[in-house]
Amino acid sequence: MPLYDYECEACGQVFEVFHKIDAPPEDLACPKCEGKKAKKIVAPFRTQFWSNFLDTMEKKISPHKFK
């Protein structure tokens, strides 16, 4: 089950929910105001692999920074 970010349409609170892919957001309650209207927001996705790749490229381009 993946972790999703939601924003409450009533109060603007952003919260995370761990649920099944096919679970409808209507069943979610805001932890702040307990409102039932939440919209899914897109969260950035990062991996350790990507971070390592960027560090390696930076070392190749600017080796003087890593001495």
N, C-alpha and C. Protein backbone atom coordinates (compact mmCIF):
# COMPACT_ATOMS: atom_id res chain seq x y z
N MET A 1 0.84 -1.18 0.00
CA MET A 1 0.00 0.00 0.00
C MET A 1 0.88 1.24 0.00
N PRO A 2 0.67 2.15 -0.93
CA PRO A 2 1.48 3.36 -1.02
C PRO A 2 1.02 4.47 -0.07
N LEU A 3 1.87 5.45 0.08
CA LEU A 3 1.62 6.61 0.92
C LEU A 3 1.23 7.77 0.00
N TYR A 4 0.11 8.42 0.28
CA TYR A 4 -0.38 9.52 -0.54
C TYR A 4 -0.47 10.80 0.27
N ASP A 5 -0.30 11.93 -0.40
CA ASP A 5 -0.48 13.25 0.21
C ASP A 5 -1.83 13.79 -0.22
N TYR A 6 -2.57 14.31 0.74
CA TYR A 6 -3.88 14.92 0.48
C TYR A 6 -3.93 16.30 1.10
N GLU A 7 -4.77 17.15 0.51
CA GLU A 7 -5.01 18.48 1.05
C GLU A 7 -6.50 18.63 1.31
N CYS A 8 -6.84 19.06 2.52
CA CYS A 8 -8.24 19.27 2.88
C CYS A 8 -8.75 20.51 2.15
N GLU A 9 -9.86 20.39 1.49
CA GLU A 9 -10.43 21.52 0.76
C GLU A 9 -11.10 22.52 1.69
N ALA A 10 -11.42 22.11 2.91
CA ALA A 10 -12.07 23.00 3.86
C ALA A 10 -11.07 23.91 4.58
N CYS A 11 -9.97 23.32 5.10
CA CYS A 11 -9.04 24.13 5.90
C CYS A 11 -7.64 24.25 5.31
N GLY A 12 -7.34 23.49 4.25
CA GLY A 12 -6.03 23.58 3.61
C GLY A 12 -4.94 22.73 4.25
N GLN A 13 -5.28 21.94 5.24
CA GLN A 13 -4.31 21.07 5.92
C GLN A 13 -3.81 19.99 4.96
N VAL A 14 -2.49 19.82 4.88
CA VAL A 14 -1.89 18.77 4.08
C VAL A 14 -1.55 17.61 5.02
N PHE A 15 -1.96 16.40 4.62
CA PHE A 15 -1.71 15.22 5.46
C PHE A 15 -1.43 14.01 4.58
N GLU A 16 -0.77 13.02 5.18
CA GLU A 16 -0.41 11.80 4.47
C GLU A 16 -1.35 10.67 4.88
N VAL A 17 -1.66 9.81 3.92
CA VAL A 17 -2.52 8.67 4.18
C VAL A 17 -1.91 7.43 3.53
N PHE A 18 -1.87 6.36 4.26
CA PHE A 18 -1.37 5.08 3.79
C PHE A 18 -2.58 4.20 3.51
N HIS A 19 -2.92 4.01 2.21
CA HIS A 19 -4.11 3.24 1.87
C HIS A 19 -3.96 2.56 0.52
N LYS A 20 -4.93 1.73 0.20
CA LYS A 20 -4.93 1.02 -1.07
C LYS A 20 -5.09 1.99 -2.23
N ILE A 21 -4.63 1.58 -3.39
CA ILE A 21 -4.68 2.42 -4.58
C ILE A 21 -6.12 2.77 -4.96
N ASP A 22 -7.03 1.82 -4.83
CA ASP A 22 -8.40 2.04 -5.27
C ASP A 22 -9.31 2.62 -4.19
N ALA A 23 -8.77 3.00 -3.03
CA ALA A 23 -9.60 3.58 -1.97
C ALA A 23 -10.01 5.00 -2.36
N PRO A 24 -11.29 5.32 -2.31
CA PRO A 24 -11.74 6.66 -2.69
C PRO A 24 -11.40 7.69 -1.62
N PRO A 25 -11.03 8.91 -2.03
CA PRO A 25 -10.69 9.95 -1.05
C PRO A 25 -11.89 10.45 -0.25
N GLU A 26 -13.10 10.10 -0.65
CA GLU A 26 -14.29 10.53 0.10
C GLU A 26 -14.33 9.90 1.49
N ASP A 27 -13.63 8.79 1.66
CA ASP A 27 -13.62 8.09 2.95
C ASP A 27 -12.61 8.68 3.93
N LEU A 28 -11.82 9.64 3.49
CA LEU A 28 -10.78 10.21 4.33
C LEU A 28 -11.30 11.40 5.13
N ALA A 29 -10.84 11.51 6.35
CA ALA A 29 -11.20 12.64 7.20
C ALA A 29 -9.94 13.44 7.50
N CYS A 30 -10.04 14.75 7.43
CA CYS A 30 -8.93 15.63 7.74
C CYS A 30 -8.59 15.50 9.24
N PRO A 31 -7.31 15.35 9.57
CA PRO A 31 -6.95 15.23 10.98
C PRO A 31 -7.13 16.53 11.77
N LYS A 32 -7.21 17.66 11.07
CA LYS A 32 -7.34 18.95 11.76
C LYS A 32 -8.82 19.33 11.98
N CYS A 33 -9.60 19.34 10.90
CA CYS A 33 -10.99 19.80 11.01
C CYS A 33 -12.01 18.67 10.83
N GLU A 34 -11.53 17.48 10.53
CA GLU A 34 -12.37 16.30 10.30
C GLU A 34 -13.30 16.44 9.10
N GLY A 35 -12.94 17.35 8.18
CA GLY A 35 -13.70 17.50 6.95
C GLY A 35 -13.54 16.28 6.07
N LYS A 36 -14.54 16.01 5.25
CA LYS A 36 -14.53 14.82 4.40
C LYS A 36 -14.14 15.10 2.96
N LYS A 37 -13.78 16.34 2.64
CA LYS A 37 -13.38 16.67 1.27
C LYS A 37 -11.88 16.86 1.23
N ALA A 38 -11.21 15.93 0.57
CA ALA A 38 -9.75 16.01 0.43
C ALA A 38 -9.39 15.72 -1.02
N LYS A 39 -8.38 16.42 -1.51
CA LYS A 39 -7.92 16.17 -2.87
C LYS A 39 -6.49 15.67 -2.81
N LYS A 40 -6.19 14.74 -3.69
CA LYS A 40 -4.85 14.17 -3.75
C LYS A 40 -3.91 15.19 -4.39
N ILE A 41 -2.75 15.36 -3.79
CA ILE A 41 -1.76 16.27 -4.36
C ILE A 41 -0.55 15.46 -4.80
N VAL A 42 0.13 15.95 -5.81
CA VAL A 42 1.28 15.25 -6.35
C VAL A 42 2.50 15.61 -5.52
N ALA A 43 3.16 14.58 -5.02
CA ALA A 43 4.36 14.77 -4.21
C ALA A 43 5.59 14.44 -5.06
N PRO A 44 6.69 15.11 -4.80
CA PRO A 44 7.92 14.79 -5.55
C PRO A 44 8.40 13.39 -5.20
N PHE A 45 8.99 12.73 -6.18
CA PHE A 45 9.49 11.38 -5.98
C PHE A 45 11.01 11.41 -6.12
N ARG A 46 11.69 10.92 -5.12
CA ARG A 46 13.15 10.89 -5.15
C ARG A 46 13.63 9.52 -4.70
N THR A 47 14.77 9.15 -5.23
CA THR A 47 15.40 7.91 -4.81
C THR A 47 16.85 8.18 -4.46
N GLN A 48 17.44 7.30 -3.72
CA GLN A 48 18.86 7.42 -3.39
C GLN A 48 19.70 7.31 -4.64
N PHE A 49 19.26 6.48 -5.59
CA PHE A 49 20.00 6.32 -6.84
C PHE A 49 20.15 7.66 -7.55
N TRP A 50 19.07 8.42 -7.65
CA TRP A 50 19.11 9.71 -8.34
C TRP A 50 20.05 10.68 -7.63
N SER A 51 20.01 10.70 -6.32
CA SER A 51 20.90 11.56 -5.55
C SER A 51 22.36 11.19 -5.77
N ASN A 52 22.65 9.91 -5.78
CA ASN A 52 24.02 9.46 -6.04
C ASN A 52 24.47 9.83 -7.44
N PHE A 53 23.59 9.70 -8.41
CA PHE A 53 23.91 10.06 -9.78
C PHE A 53 24.26 11.55 -9.88
N LEU A 54 23.45 12.41 -9.24
CA LEU A 54 23.71 13.85 -9.29
C LEU A 54 25.04 14.20 -8.61
N ASP A 55 25.34 13.54 -7.49
CA ASP A 55 26.62 13.77 -6.81
C ASP A 55 27.79 13.36 -7.69
N THR A 56 27.67 12.24 -8.37
CA THR A 56 28.73 11.77 -9.26
C THR A 56 28.95 12.75 -10.41
N MET A 57 27.87 13.23 -10.98
CA MET A 57 27.98 14.19 -12.09
C MET A 57 28.60 15.50 -11.62
N GLU A 58 28.24 15.96 -10.43
CA GLU A 58 28.81 17.18 -9.89
C GLU A 58 30.30 17.02 -9.66
N LYS A 59 30.73 15.85 -9.19
CA LYS A 59 32.16 15.60 -8.98
C LYS A 59 32.92 15.61 -10.30
N LYS A 60 32.30 15.13 -11.37
CA LYS A 60 32.94 15.13 -12.68
C LYS A 60 33.04 16.54 -13.25
N ILE A 61 32.00 17.33 -13.04
CA ILE A 61 31.95 18.68 -13.61
C ILE A 61 32.80 19.66 -12.80
N SER A 62 32.73 19.56 -11.49
CA SER A 62 33.45 20.50 -10.61
C SER A 62 34.26 19.75 -9.55
N PRO A 63 35.34 19.10 -9.98
CA PRO A 63 36.11 18.30 -9.00
C PRO A 63 36.76 19.15 -7.93
N HIS A 64 37.00 20.44 -8.20
CA HIS A 64 37.64 21.30 -7.20
C HIS A 64 36.76 21.51 -5.97
N LYS A 65 35.47 21.31 -6.07
CA LYS A 65 34.58 21.46 -4.93
C LYS A 65 34.70 20.32 -3.93
N PHE A 66 35.26 19.19 -4.36
CA PHE A 66 35.28 17.99 -3.52
C PHE A 66 36.68 17.62 -3.06
N LYS A 67 37.61 18.56 -3.06
CA LYS A 67 38.98 18.27 -2.59
C LYS A 67 39.07 18.43 -1.12
